Structures are given as structure tokens and as C-alpha cells.
Amino acid sequence: MSYKVLNHEGAEIGLKTKGKTGRLSLEGGYLRIRGEPEVSIPLETLHSVELFRLHGTARMLKIVHERGTLFVSVIRFSLFGFFMVVNFFATGQLKQELEAVIRQKPNS
């Protein structure tokens, strides 16, 4: 399945963080976000996924992998990378898909 997402690579995220939009998919052993820039993370490098509320409002995922941290929200639309309308249920569904991938890793 493909998701329209707002994402940010980095150790932390805040209200002033500008996100990037793209289409996230789990295919061919990779978590891929097609956008500018393109993000490609091998699924076997995923360590954890955590669902949290960004400043008590929007659902967001914190995905920890070998090379760092990726923050992702499934969105309906975004304005300039600062304001977004989050798809609440799809963000939860993506979390479940990522947890299933992490559980299936051979070294788990």
C-alpha cells in the first residue's frame, strides 16, 4: 500500500520543523519515500516504531533505524511543509504494518 506522507529525517521534531512530502511504500525490502529528496531505508535496518502525538495534536510515527531517525505522518494535504491535516487512521495502520515488518526480522 502507498501512503501520502509528511516526513522529516533527524533526531527530533518541533513546531518550527519544515517537513517534506512524498509517497511512502514498503516494497522490495525497502521503506521508500518518493519525493524530494527520495528516502530509501532497508527494512532489515528498522529497530523500532513509536506512535506519539506531536504537541498533543497530530499523530506521528518515530521510526528508528541503523542510520538515524525518521518522523512520518500520513496526511491528507500539507501547506508549505509546516501545516498539515493528518489522516489519523492511516497513520495507525502504517504503524501496524511497520511493527509486523520489525517482528518478522530474522534476528528478532
PDB file of N, CA and C in Angstrom:
ATOM      1  N   MET A   1       0.842  -1.179   0.000  1.00  0.00           N
ATOM      2  CA  MET A   1       0.000   0.000   0.000  1.00  0.00           C
ATOM      3  C   MET A   1       0.884   1.238   0.000  1.00  0.00           C
ATOM      4  N   SER A   2       0.412   2.283  -0.604  1.00  0.00           N
ATOM      5  CA  SER A   2       1.147   3.542  -0.701  1.00  0.00           C
ATOM      6  C   SER A   2       0.434   4.604   0.133  1.00  0.00           C
ATOM      7  N   TYR A   3       1.213   5.429   0.821  1.00  0.00           N
ATOM      8  CA  TYR A   3       0.664   6.469   1.683  1.00  0.00           C
ATOM      9  C   TYR A   3       1.250   7.823   1.311  1.00  0.00           C
ATOM     10  N   LYS A   4       0.421   8.853   1.299  1.00  0.00           N
ATOM     11  CA  LYS A   4       0.908  10.221   1.144  1.00  0.00           C
ATOM     12  C   LYS A   4       1.375  10.669   2.528  1.00  0.00           C
ATOM     13  N   VAL A   5       2.650  11.084   2.641  1.00  0.00           N
ATOM     14  CA  VAL A   5       3.215  11.375   3.955  1.00  0.00           C
ATOM     15  C   VAL A   5       3.940  12.714   3.991  1.00  0.00           C
ATOM     16  N   LEU A   6       4.064  13.215   5.211  1.00  0.00           N
ATOM     17  CA  LEU A   6       4.956  14.322   5.530  1.00  0.00           C
ATOM     18  C   LEU A   6       6.046  13.693   6.378  1.00  0.00           C
ATOM     19  N   ASN A   7       7.313  13.922   6.031  1.00  0.00           N
ATOM     20  CA  ASN A   7       8.395  13.271   6.751  1.00  0.00           C
ATOM     21  C   ASN A   7       9.525  14.248   7.081  1.00  0.00           C
ATOM     22  N   HIS A   8      10.312  13.852   8.079  1.00  0.00           N
ATOM     23  CA  HIS A   8      11.493  14.620   8.486  1.00  0.00           C
ATOM     24  C   HIS A   8      12.539  13.647   9.000  1.00  0.00           C
ATOM     25  N   GLU A   9      13.758  13.762   8.496  1.00  0.00           N
ATOM     26  CA  GLU A   9      14.867  12.953   8.988  1.00  0.00           C
ATOM     27  C   GLU A   9      15.660  13.797   9.971  1.00  0.00           C
ATOM     28  N   GLY A  10      15.882  13.249  11.175  1.00  0.00           N
ATOM     29  CA  GLY A  10      16.631  13.964  12.194  1.00  0.00           C
ATOM     30  C   GLY A  10      16.346  13.405  13.564  1.00  0.00           C
ATOM     31  N   ALA A  11      17.077  13.889  14.547  1.00  0.00           N
ATOM     32  CA  ALA A  11      16.969  13.361  15.907  1.00  0.00           C
ATOM     33  C   ALA A  11      15.689  13.805  16.608  1.00  0.00           C
ATOM     34  N   GLU A  12      15.176  14.978  16.259  1.00  0.00           N
ATOM     35  CA  GLU A  12      13.955  15.475  16.913  1.00  0.00           C
ATOM     36  C   GLU A  12      13.142  16.308  15.937  1.00  0.00           C
ATOM     37  N   ILE A  13      11.910  16.590  16.344  1.00  0.00           N
ATOM     38  CA  ILE A  13      10.991  17.366  15.507  1.00  0.00           C
ATOM     39  C   ILE A  13      10.226  18.327  16.411  1.00  0.00           C
ATOM     40  N   GLY A  14       9.895  19.503  15.887  1.00  0.00           N
ATOM     41  CA  GLY A  14       9.167  20.505  16.661  1.00  0.00           C
ATOM     42  C   GLY A  14       8.212  21.277  15.771  1.00  0.00           C
ATOM     43  N   LEU A  15       7.578  22.289  16.359  1.00  0.00           N
ATOM     44  CA  LEU A  15       6.602  23.085  15.610  1.00  0.00           C
ATOM     45  C   LEU A  15       7.233  23.856  14.458  1.00  0.00           C
ATOM     46  N   LYS A  16       8.499  24.228  14.588  1.00  0.00           N
ATOM     47  CA  LYS A  16       9.159  25.018  13.550  1.00  0.00           C
ATOM     48  C   LYS A  16       9.872  24.163  12.507  1.00  0.00           C
ATOM     49  N   THR A  17       9.772  22.851  12.641  1.00  0.00           N
ATOM     50  CA  THR A  17      10.422  21.946  11.692  1.00  0.00           C
ATOM     51  C   THR A  17       9.630  21.912  10.388  1.00  0.00           C
ATOM     52  N   LYS A  18      10.321  22.115   9.280  1.00  0.00           N
ATOM     53  CA  LYS A  18       9.670  22.035   7.976  1.00  0.00           C
ATOM     54  C   LYS A  18       9.796  20.607   7.464  1.00  0.00           C
ATOM     55  N   GLY A  19       8.667  19.992   7.172  1.00  0.00           N
ATOM     56  CA  GLY A  19       8.659  18.623   6.671  1.00  0.00           C
ATOM     57  C   GLY A  19       8.646  18.582   5.160  1.00  0.00           C
ATOM     58  N   LYS A  20       8.904  17.395   4.634  1.00  0.00           N
ATOM     59  CA  LYS A  20       8.882  17.174   3.193  1.00  0.00           C
ATOM     60  C   LYS A  20       7.760  16.188   2.883  1.00  0.00           C
ATOM     61  N   THR A  21       7.125  16.346   1.750  1.00  0.00           N
ATOM     62  CA  THR A  21       6.038  15.446   1.380  1.00  0.00           C
ATOM     63  C   THR A  21       6.511  14.429   0.349  1.00  0.00           C
ATOM     64  N   GLY A  22       5.839  13.298   0.327  1.00  0.00           N
ATOM     65  CA  GLY A  22       6.160  12.245  -0.629  1.00  0.00           C
ATOM     66  C   GLY A  22       5.166  11.105  -0.500  1.00  0.00           C
ATOM     67  N   ARG A  23       5.446  10.017  -1.217  1.00  0.00           N
ATOM     68  CA  ARG A  23       4.609   8.814  -1.170  1.00  0.00           C
ATOM     69  C   ARG A  23       5.436   7.692  -0.587  1.00  0.00           C
ATOM     70  N   LEU A  24       4.989   7.161   0.553  1.00  0.00           N
ATOM     71  CA  LEU A  24       5.694   6.087   1.241  1.00  0.00           C
ATOM     72  C   LEU A  24       5.122   4.747   0.822  1.00  0.00           C
ATOM     73  N   SER A  25       6.017   3.787   0.567  1.00  0.00           N
ATOM     74  CA  SER A  25       5.596   2.417   0.286  1.00  0.00           C
ATOM     75  C   SER A  25       6.622   1.462   0.879  1.00  0.00           C
ATOM     76  N   LEU A  26       6.161   0.263   1.208  1.00  0.00           N
ATOM     77  CA  LEU A  26       7.020  -0.807   1.698  1.00  0.00           C
ATOM     78  C   LEU A  26       7.092  -1.838   0.587  1.00  0.00           C
ATOM     79  N   GLU A  27       8.186  -1.824  -0.163  1.00  0.00           N
ATOM     80  CA  GLU A  27       8.283  -2.704  -1.320  1.00  0.00           C
ATOM     81  C   GLU A  27       9.726  -3.123  -1.555  1.00  0.00           C
ATOM     82  N   GLY A  28       9.917  -4.334  -2.021  1.00  0.00           N
ATOM     83  CA  GLY A  28      11.235  -4.824  -2.383  1.00  0.00           C
ATOM     84  C   GLY A  28      12.243  -4.807  -1.252  1.00  0.00           C
ATOM     85  N   GLY A  29      11.771  -4.980  -0.009  1.00  0.00           N
ATOM     86  CA  GLY A  29      12.682  -4.980   1.129  1.00  0.00           C
ATOM     87  C   GLY A  29      13.112  -3.604   1.592  1.00  0.00           C
ATOM     88  N   TYR A  30      12.439  -2.551   1.117  1.00  0.00           N
ATOM     89  CA  TYR A  30      12.793  -1.179   1.482  1.00  0.00           C
ATOM     90  C   TYR A  30      11.568  -0.374   1.897  1.00  0.00           C
ATOM     91  N   LEU A  31      11.773   0.555   2.804  1.00  0.00           N
ATOM     92  CA  LEU A  31      10.811   1.608   3.084  1.00  0.00           C
ATOM     93  C   LEU A  31      11.236   2.744   2.168  1.00  0.00           C
ATOM     94  N   ARG A  32      10.395   3.089   1.203  1.00  0.00           N
ATOM     95  CA  ARG A  32      10.743   4.124   0.236  1.00  0.00           C
ATOM     96  C   ARG A  32       9.770   5.286   0.336  1.00  0.00           C
ATOM     97  N   ILE A  33      10.335   6.481   0.292  1.00  0.00           N
ATOM     98  CA  ILE A  33       9.517   7.688   0.192  1.00  0.00           C
ATOM     99  C   ILE A  33       9.940   8.382  -1.093  1.00  0.00           C
ATOM    100  N   ARG A  34       9.022   8.403  -2.044  1.00  0.00           N
ATOM    101  CA  ARG A  34       9.294   9.076  -3.311  1.00  0.00           C
ATOM    102  C   ARG A  34       8.886  10.528  -3.165  1.00  0.00           C
ATOM    103  N   GLY A  35       9.859  11.389  -3.305  1.00  0.00           N
ATOM    104  CA  GLY A  35       9.653  12.822  -3.160  1.00  0.00           C
ATOM    105  C   GLY A  35      10.994  13.506  -3.309  1.00  0.00           C
ATOM    106  N   GLU A  36      11.084  14.715  -2.834  1.00  0.00           N
ATOM    107  CA  GLU A  36      12.338  15.469  -2.876  1.00  0.00           C
ATOM    108  C   GLU A  36      12.806  15.750  -1.469  1.00  0.00           C
ATOM    109  N   PRO A  37      13.893  15.163  -1.018  1.00  0.00           N
ATOM    110  CA  PRO A  37      14.679  14.115  -1.665  1.00  0.00           C
ATOM    111  C   PRO A  37      14.033  12.753  -1.439  1.00  0.00           C
ATOM    112  N   GLU A  38      14.461  11.772  -2.207  1.00  0.00           N
ATOM    113  CA  GLU A  38      13.950  10.414  -2.054  1.00  0.00           C
ATOM    114  C   GLU A  38      14.629   9.749  -0.863  1.00  0.00           C
ATOM    115  N   VAL A  39      13.847   9.000  -0.084  1.00  0.00           N
ATOM    116  CA  VAL A  39      14.355   8.285   1.087  1.00  0.00           C
ATOM    117  C   VAL A  39      14.191   6.793   0.835  1.00  0.00           C
ATOM    118  N   SER A  40      15.239   6.027   1.108  1.00  0.00           N
ATOM    119  CA  SER A  40      15.192   4.588   0.932  1.00  0.00           C
ATOM    120  C   SER A  40      15.915   3.931   2.101  1.00  0.00           C
ATOM    121  N   ILE A  41      15.169   3.167   2.915  1.00  0.00           N
ATOM    122  CA  ILE A  41      15.732   2.531   4.105  1.00  0.00           C
ATOM    123  C   ILE A  41      15.468   1.028   4.017  1.00  0.00           C
ATOM    124  N   PRO A  42      16.522   0.201   4.079  1.00  0.00           N
ATOM    125  CA  PRO A  42      16.294  -1.255   4.070  1.00  0.00           C
ATOM    126  C   PRO A  42      15.465  -1.673   5.283  1.00  0.00           C
ATOM    127  N   LEU A  43      14.458  -2.519   5.069  1.00  0.00           N
ATOM    128  CA  LEU A  43      13.570  -2.931   6.152  1.00  0.00           C
ATOM    129  C   LEU A  43      14.304  -3.677   7.258  1.00  0.00           C
ATOM    130  N   GLU A  44      15.377  -4.406   6.914  1.00  0.00           N
ATOM    131  CA  GLU A  44      16.107  -5.145   7.953  1.00  0.00           C
ATOM    132  C   GLU A  44      16.863  -4.223   8.910  1.00  0.00           C
ATOM    133  N   THR A  45      17.006  -2.930   8.569  1.00  0.00           N
ATOM    134  CA  THR A  45      17.703  -1.992   9.453  1.00  0.00           C
ATOM    135  C   THR A  45      16.762  -1.289  10.434  1.00  0.00           C
ATOM    136  N   LEU A  46      15.447  -1.549  10.332  1.00  0.00           N
ATOM    137  CA  LEU A  46      14.485  -0.914  11.239  1.00  0.00           C
ATOM    138  C   LEU A  46      14.616  -1.513  12.638  1.00  0.00           C
ATOM    139  N   HIS A  47      14.673  -0.645  13.647  1.00  0.00           N
ATOM    140  CA  HIS A  47      14.774  -1.094  15.035  1.00  0.00           C
ATOM    141  C   HIS A  47      13.440  -0.983  15.770  1.00  0.00           C
ATOM    142  N   SER A  48      12.755   0.165  15.594  1.00  0.00           N
ATOM    143  CA  SER A  48      11.502   0.364  16.328  1.00  0.00           C
ATOM    144  C   SER A  48      10.636   1.405  15.634  1.00  0.00           C
ATOM    145  N   VAL A  49       9.348   1.363  15.974  1.00  0.00           N
ATOM    146  CA  VAL A  49       8.401   2.377  15.519  1.00  0.00           C
ATOM    147  C   VAL A  49       7.549   2.753  16.721  1.00  0.00           C
ATOM    148  N   GLU A  50       7.381   4.055  16.917  1.00  0.00           N
ATOM    149  CA  GLU A  50       6.634   4.568  18.071  1.00  0.00           C
ATOM    150  C   GLU A  50       5.604   5.578  17.577  1.00  0.00           C
ATOM    151  N   LEU A  51       4.379   5.447  18.059  1.00  0.00           N
ATOM    152  CA  LEU A  51       3.309   6.376  17.720  1.00  0.00           C
ATOM    153  C   LEU A  51       3.210   7.402  18.840  1.00  0.00           C
ATOM    154  N   PHE A  52       3.212   8.692  18.489  1.00  0.00           N
ATOM    155  CA  PHE A  52       3.069   9.741  19.503  1.00  0.00           C
ATOM    156  C   PHE A  52       2.257  10.887  18.928  1.00  0.00           C
ATOM    157  N   ARG A  53       1.879  11.799  19.785  1.00  0.00           N
ATOM    158  CA  ARG A  53       1.127  12.983  19.375  1.00  0.00           C
ATOM    159  C   ARG A  53       2.074  14.173  19.381  1.00  0.00           C
ATOM    160  N   LEU A  54       2.274  14.771  18.216  1.00  0.00           N
ATOM    161  CA  LEU A  54       3.132  15.943  18.100  1.00  0.00           C
ATOM    162  C   LEU A  54       2.435  17.126  18.755  1.00  0.00           C
ATOM    163  N   HIS A  55       2.951  17.555  19.894  1.00  0.00           N
ATOM    164  CA  HIS A  55       2.397  18.668  20.673  1.00  0.00           C
ATOM    165  C   HIS A  55       0.913  18.476  20.976  1.00  0.00           C
ATOM    166  N   GLY A  56       0.530  17.231  21.215  1.00  0.00           N
ATOM    167  CA  GLY A  56      -0.831  16.917  21.621  1.00  0.00           C
ATOM    168  C   GLY A  56      -1.867  17.012  20.521  1.00  0.00           C
ATOM    169  N   THR A  57      -1.444  17.157  19.277  1.00  0.00           N
ATOM    170  CA  THR A  57      -2.420  17.327  18.197  1.00  0.00           C
ATOM    171  C   THR A  57      -2.359  16.204  17.176  1.00  0.00           C
ATOM    172  N   ALA A  58      -1.349  16.191  16.336  1.00  0.00           N
ATOM    173  CA  ALA A  58      -1.283  15.270  15.201  1.00  0.00           C
ATOM    174  C   ALA A  58      -0.578  13.971  15.566  1.00  0.00           C
ATOM    175  N   ARG A  59      -1.093  12.856  15.034  1.00  0.00           N
ATOM    176  CA  ARG A  59      -0.428  11.556  15.194  1.00  0.00           C
ATOM    177  C   ARG A  59       0.813  11.531  14.321  1.00  0.00           C
ATOM    178  N   MET A  60       1.904  11.023  14.877  1.00  0.00           N
ATOM    179  CA  MET A  60       3.151  10.935  14.132  1.00  0.00           C
ATOM    180  C   MET A  60       3.887   9.673  14.536  1.00  0.00           C
ATOM    181  N   LEU A  61       4.658   9.111  13.599  1.00  0.00           N
ATOM    182  CA  LEU A  61       5.466   7.928  13.863  1.00  0.00           C
ATOM    183  C   LEU A  61       6.933   8.324  13.962  1.00  0.00           C
ATOM    184  N   LYS A  62       7.610   7.756  14.950  1.00  0.00           N
ATOM    185  CA  LYS A  62       9.057   7.915  15.088  1.00  0.00           C
ATOM    186  C   LYS A  62       9.652   6.558  14.735  1.00  0.00           C
ATOM    187  N   ILE A  63      10.340   6.497  13.592  1.00  0.00           N
ATOM    188  CA  ILE A  63      10.919   5.253  13.095  1.00  0.00           C
ATOM    189  C   ILE A  63      12.427   5.310  13.302  1.00  0.00           C
ATOM    190  N   VAL A  64      12.928   4.413  14.151  1.00  0.00           N
ATOM    191  CA  VAL A  64      14.362   4.364  14.439  1.00  0.00           C
ATOM    192  C   VAL A  64      14.975   3.243  13.602  1.00  0.00           C
ATOM    193  N   HIS A  65      16.052   3.579  12.897  1.00  0.00           N
ATOM    194  CA  HIS A  65      16.758   2.600  12.071  1.00  0.00           C
ATOM    195  C   HIS A  65      18.258   2.774  12.285  1.00  0.00           C
ATOM    196  N   GLU A  66      19.058   1.928  11.648  1.00  0.00           N
ATOM    197  CA  GLU A  66      20.503   1.923  11.884  1.00  0.00           C
ATOM    198  C   GLU A  66      21.172   3.256  11.591  1.00  0.00           C
ATOM    199  N   ARG A  67      20.680   3.999  10.613  1.00  0.00           N
ATOM    200  CA  ARG A  67      21.330   5.255  10.213  1.00  0.00           C
ATOM    201  C   ARG A  67      20.721   6.495  10.842  1.00  0.00           C
ATOM    202  N   GLY A  68      19.698   6.354  11.696  1.00  0.00           N
ATOM    203  CA  GLY A  68      19.119   7.536  12.321  1.00  0.00           C
ATOM    204  C   GLY A  68      17.645   7.380  12.645  1.00  0.00           C
ATOM    205  N   THR A  69      16.948   8.504  12.589  1.00  0.00           N
ATOM    206  CA  THR A  69      15.532   8.550  12.951  1.00  0.00           C
ATOM    207  C   THR A  69      14.748   9.243  11.847  1.00  0.00           C
ATOM    208  N   LEU A  70      13.574   8.698  11.556  1.00  0.00           N
ATOM    209  CA  LEU A  70      12.680   9.263  10.559  1.00  0.00           C
ATOM    210  C   LEU A  70      11.328   9.504  11.212  1.00  0.00           C
ATOM    211  N   PHE A  71      10.799  10.713  11.078  1.00  0.00           N
ATOM    212  CA  PHE A  71       9.473  11.058  11.585  1.00  0.00           C
ATOM    213  C   PHE A  71       8.520  11.104  10.399  1.00  0.00           C
ATOM    214  N   VAL A  72       7.345  10.455  10.543  1.00  0.00           N
ATOM    215  CA  VAL A  72       6.393  10.335   9.431  1.00  0.00           C
ATOM    216  C   VAL A  72       4.966  10.493   9.944  1.00  0.00           C
ATOM    217  N   SER A  73       4.148  11.223   9.184  1.00  0.00           N
ATOM    218  CA  SER A  73       2.701  11.277   9.390  1.00  0.00           C
ATOM    219  C   SER A  73       2.023  11.046   8.059  1.00  0.00           C
ATOM    220  N   VAL A  74       0.995  10.202   8.047  1.00  0.00           N
ATOM    221  CA  VAL A  74       0.184  10.042   6.843  1.00  0.00           C
ATOM    222  C   VAL A  74      -0.754  11.241   6.804  1.00  0.00           C
ATOM    223  N   ILE A  75      -0.790  11.928   5.662  1.00  0.00           N
ATOM    224  CA  ILE A  75      -1.529  13.194   5.587  1.00  0.00           C
ATOM    225  C   ILE A  75      -2.602  13.157   4.502  1.00  0.00           C
ATOM    226  N   ARG A  76      -3.520  14.083   4.636  1.00  0.00           N
ATOM    227  CA  ARG A  76      -4.492  14.337   3.575  1.00  0.00           C
ATOM    228  C   ARG A  76      -3.929  15.414   2.656  1.00  0.00           C
ATOM    229  N   PHE A  77      -3.382  16.503   3.258  1.00  0.00           N
ATOM    230  CA  PHE A  77      -2.682  17.531   2.480  1.00  0.00           C
ATOM    231  C   PHE A  77      -1.759  18.304   3.408  1.00  0.00           C
ATOM    232  N   SER A  78      -0.842  19.065   2.799  1.00  0.00           N
ATOM    233  CA  SER A  78       0.122  19.863   3.545  1.00  0.00           C
ATOM    234  C   SER A  78       0.265  21.227   2.877  1.00  0.00           C
ATOM    235  N   LEU A  79       0.440  22.262   3.688  1.00  0.00           N
ATOM    236  CA  LEU A  79       0.685  23.605   3.165  1.00  0.00           C
ATOM    237  C   LEU A  79       2.096  24.030   3.540  1.00  0.00           C
ATOM    238  N   PHE A  80       2.954  24.127   2.553  1.00  0.00           N
ATOM    239  CA  PHE A  80       4.322  24.636   2.701  1.00  0.00           C
ATOM    240  C   PHE A  80       5.188  23.822   3.650  1.00  0.00           C
ATOM    241  N   GLY A  81       4.806  22.596   3.989  1.00  0.00           N
ATOM    242  CA  GLY A  81       5.606  21.750   4.862  1.00  0.00           C
ATOM    243  C   GLY A  81       5.477  22.070   6.340  1.00  0.00           C
ATOM    244  N   PHE A  82       4.696  23.087   6.702  1.00  0.00           N
ATOM    245  CA  PHE A  82       4.522  23.462   8.104  1.00  0.00           C
ATOM    246  C   PHE A  82       3.158  23.058   8.650  1.00  0.00           C
ATOM    247  N   PHE A  83       2.111  23.210   7.857  1.00  0.00           N
ATOM    248  CA  PHE A  83       0.754  22.897   8.288  1.00  0.00           C
ATOM    249  C   PHE A  83       0.280  21.674   7.529  1.00  0.00           C
ATOM    250  N   MET A  84      -0.346  20.744   8.259  1.00  0.00           N
ATOM    251  CA  MET A  84      -0.825  19.525   7.614  1.00  0.00           C
ATOM    252  C   MET A  84      -2.123  19.070   8.255  1.00  0.00           C
ATOM    253  N   VAL A  85      -2.909  18.339   7.484  1.00  0.00           N
ATOM    254  CA  VAL A  85      -4.078  17.654   8.013  1.00  0.00           C
ATOM    255  C   VAL A  85      -3.741  16.169   7.968  1.00  0.00           C
ATOM    256  N   VAL A  86      -3.668  15.562   9.162  1.00  0.00           N
ATOM    257  CA  VAL A  86      -3.210  14.181   9.305  1.00  0.00           C
ATOM    258  C   VAL A  86      -4.365  13.214   9.119  1.00  0.00           C
ATOM    259  N   ASN A  87      -4.084  12.110   8.446  1.00  0.00           N
ATOM    260  CA  ASN A  87      -5.030  11.006   8.318  1.00  0.00           C
ATOM    261  C   ASN A  87      -4.811  10.109   9.542  1.00  0.00           C
ATOM    262  N   PHE A  88      -5.636  10.291  10.553  1.00  0.00           N
ATOM    263  CA  PHE A  88      -5.496   9.644  11.858  1.00  0.00           C
ATOM    264  C   PHE A  88      -5.431   8.121  11.734  1.00  0.00           C
ATOM    265  N   PHE A  89      -6.383   7.526  11.041  1.00  0.00           N
ATOM    266  CA  PHE A  89      -6.473   6.064  10.956  1.00  0.00           C
ATOM    267  C   PHE A  89      -5.366   5.462  10.091  1.00  0.00           C
ATOM    268  N   ALA A  90      -5.017   6.125   8.989  1.00  0.00           N
ATOM    269  CA  ALA A  90      -3.963   5.601   8.114  1.00  0.00           C
ATOM    270  C   ALA A  90      -2.605   5.637   8.808  1.00  0.00           C
ATOM    271  N   THR A  91      -2.363   6.629   9.661  1.00  0.00           N
ATOM    272  CA  THR A  91      -1.111   6.678  10.417  1.00  0.00           C
ATOM    273  C   THR A  91      -1.032   5.479  11.357  1.00  0.00           C
ATOM    274  N   GLY A  92      -2.126   5.123  12.009  1.00  0.00           N
ATOM    275  CA  GLY A  92      -2.172   3.940  12.863  1.00  0.00           C
ATOM    276  C   GLY A  92      -1.985   2.659  12.073  1.00  0.00           C
ATOM    277  N   GLN A  93      -2.563   2.599  10.873  1.00  0.00           N
ATOM    278  CA  GLN A  93      -2.420   1.417  10.018  1.00  0.00           C
ATOM    279  C   GLN A  93      -0.968   1.252   9.581  1.00  0.00           C
ATOM    280  N   LEU A  94      -0.295   2.347   9.223  1.00  0.00           N
ATOM    281  CA  LEU A  94       1.120   2.284   8.836  1.00  0.00           C
ATOM    282  C   LEU A  94       1.966   1.792   9.999  1.00  0.00           C
ATOM    283  N   LYS A  95       1.655   2.226  11.214  1.00  0.00           N
ATOM    284  CA  LYS A  95       2.389   1.758  12.397  1.00  0.00           C
ATOM    285  C   LYS A  95       2.266   0.239  12.526  1.00  0.00           C
ATOM    286  N   GLN A  96       1.068  -0.284  12.355  1.00  0.00           N
ATOM    287  CA  GLN A  96       0.864  -1.731  12.451  1.00  0.00           C
ATOM    288  C   GLN A  96       1.651  -2.485  11.379  1.00  0.00           C
ATOM    289  N   GLU A  97       1.696  -1.949  10.163  1.00  0.00           N
ATOM    290  CA  GLU A  97       2.455  -2.589   9.092  1.00  0.00           C
ATOM    291  C   GLU A  97       3.948  -2.604   9.415  1.00  0.00           C
ATOM    292  N   LEU A  98       4.469  -1.490   9.939  1.00  0.00           N
ATOM    293  CA  LEU A  98       5.891  -1.425  10.283  1.00  0.00           C
ATOM    294  C   LEU A  98       6.224  -2.342  11.455  1.00  0.00           C
ATOM    295  N   GLU A  99       5.332  -2.438  12.437  1.00  0.00           N
ATOM    296  CA  GLU A  99       5.562  -3.352  13.565  1.00  0.00           C
ATOM    297  C   GLU A  99       5.615  -4.803  13.071  1.00  0.00           C
ATOM    298  N   ALA A 100       4.763  -5.154  12.124  1.00  0.00           N
ATOM    299  CA  ALA A 100       4.764  -6.510  11.573  1.00  0.00           C
ATOM    300  C   ALA A 100       6.081  -6.802  10.861  1.00  0.00           C
ATOM    301  N   VAL A 101       6.607  -5.827  10.140  1.00  0.00           N
ATOM    302  CA  VAL A 101       7.888  -5.991   9.452  1.00  0.00           C
ATOM    303  C   VAL A 101       9.009  -6.183  10.465  1.00  0.00           C
ATOM    304  N   ILE A 102       9.007  -5.399  11.528  1.00  0.00           N
ATOM    305  CA  ILE A 102      10.050  -5.492  12.544  1.00  0.00           C
ATOM    306  C   ILE A 102       9.983  -6.848  13.263  1.00  0.00           C
ATOM    307  N   ARG A 103       8.778  -7.339  13.547  1.00  0.00           N
ATOM    308  CA  ARG A 103       8.621  -8.644  14.198  1.00  0.00           C
ATOM    309  C   ARG A 103       9.110  -9.796  13.317  1.00  0.00           C
ATOM    310  N   GLN A 104       9.015  -9.640  12.007  1.00  0.00           N
ATOM    311  CA  GLN A 104       9.391 -10.697  11.080  1.00  0.00           C
ATOM    312  C   GLN A 104      10.886 -10.743  10.782  1.00  0.00           C
ATOM    313  N   LYS A 105      11.647  -9.771  11.278  1.00  0.00           N
ATOM    314  CA  LYS A 105      13.081  -9.780  11.042  1.00  0.00           C
ATOM    315  C   LYS A 105      13.706 -11.050  11.588  1.00  0.00           C
ATOM    316  N   PRO A 106      14.667 -11.649  10.869  1.00  0.00           N
ATOM    317  CA  PRO A 106      15.265 -12.903  11.287  1.00  0.00           C
ATOM    318  C   PRO A 106      15.971 -12.844  12.646  1.00  0.00           C
ATOM    319  N   ASN A 107      16.553 -11.709  13.009  1.00  0.00           N
ATOM    320  CA  ASN A 107      17.281 -11.605  14.275  1.00  0.00           C
ATOM    321  C   ASN A 107      16.414 -11.151  15.436  1.00  0.00           C
ATOM    322  N   SER A 108      15.086 -11.073  15.234  1.00  0.00           N
ATOM    323  CA  SER A 108      14.191 -10.636  16.322  1.00  0.00           C
ATOM    324  C   SER A 108      13.867 -11.768  17.251  1.00  0.00           C
TER     325      SER A 108
END
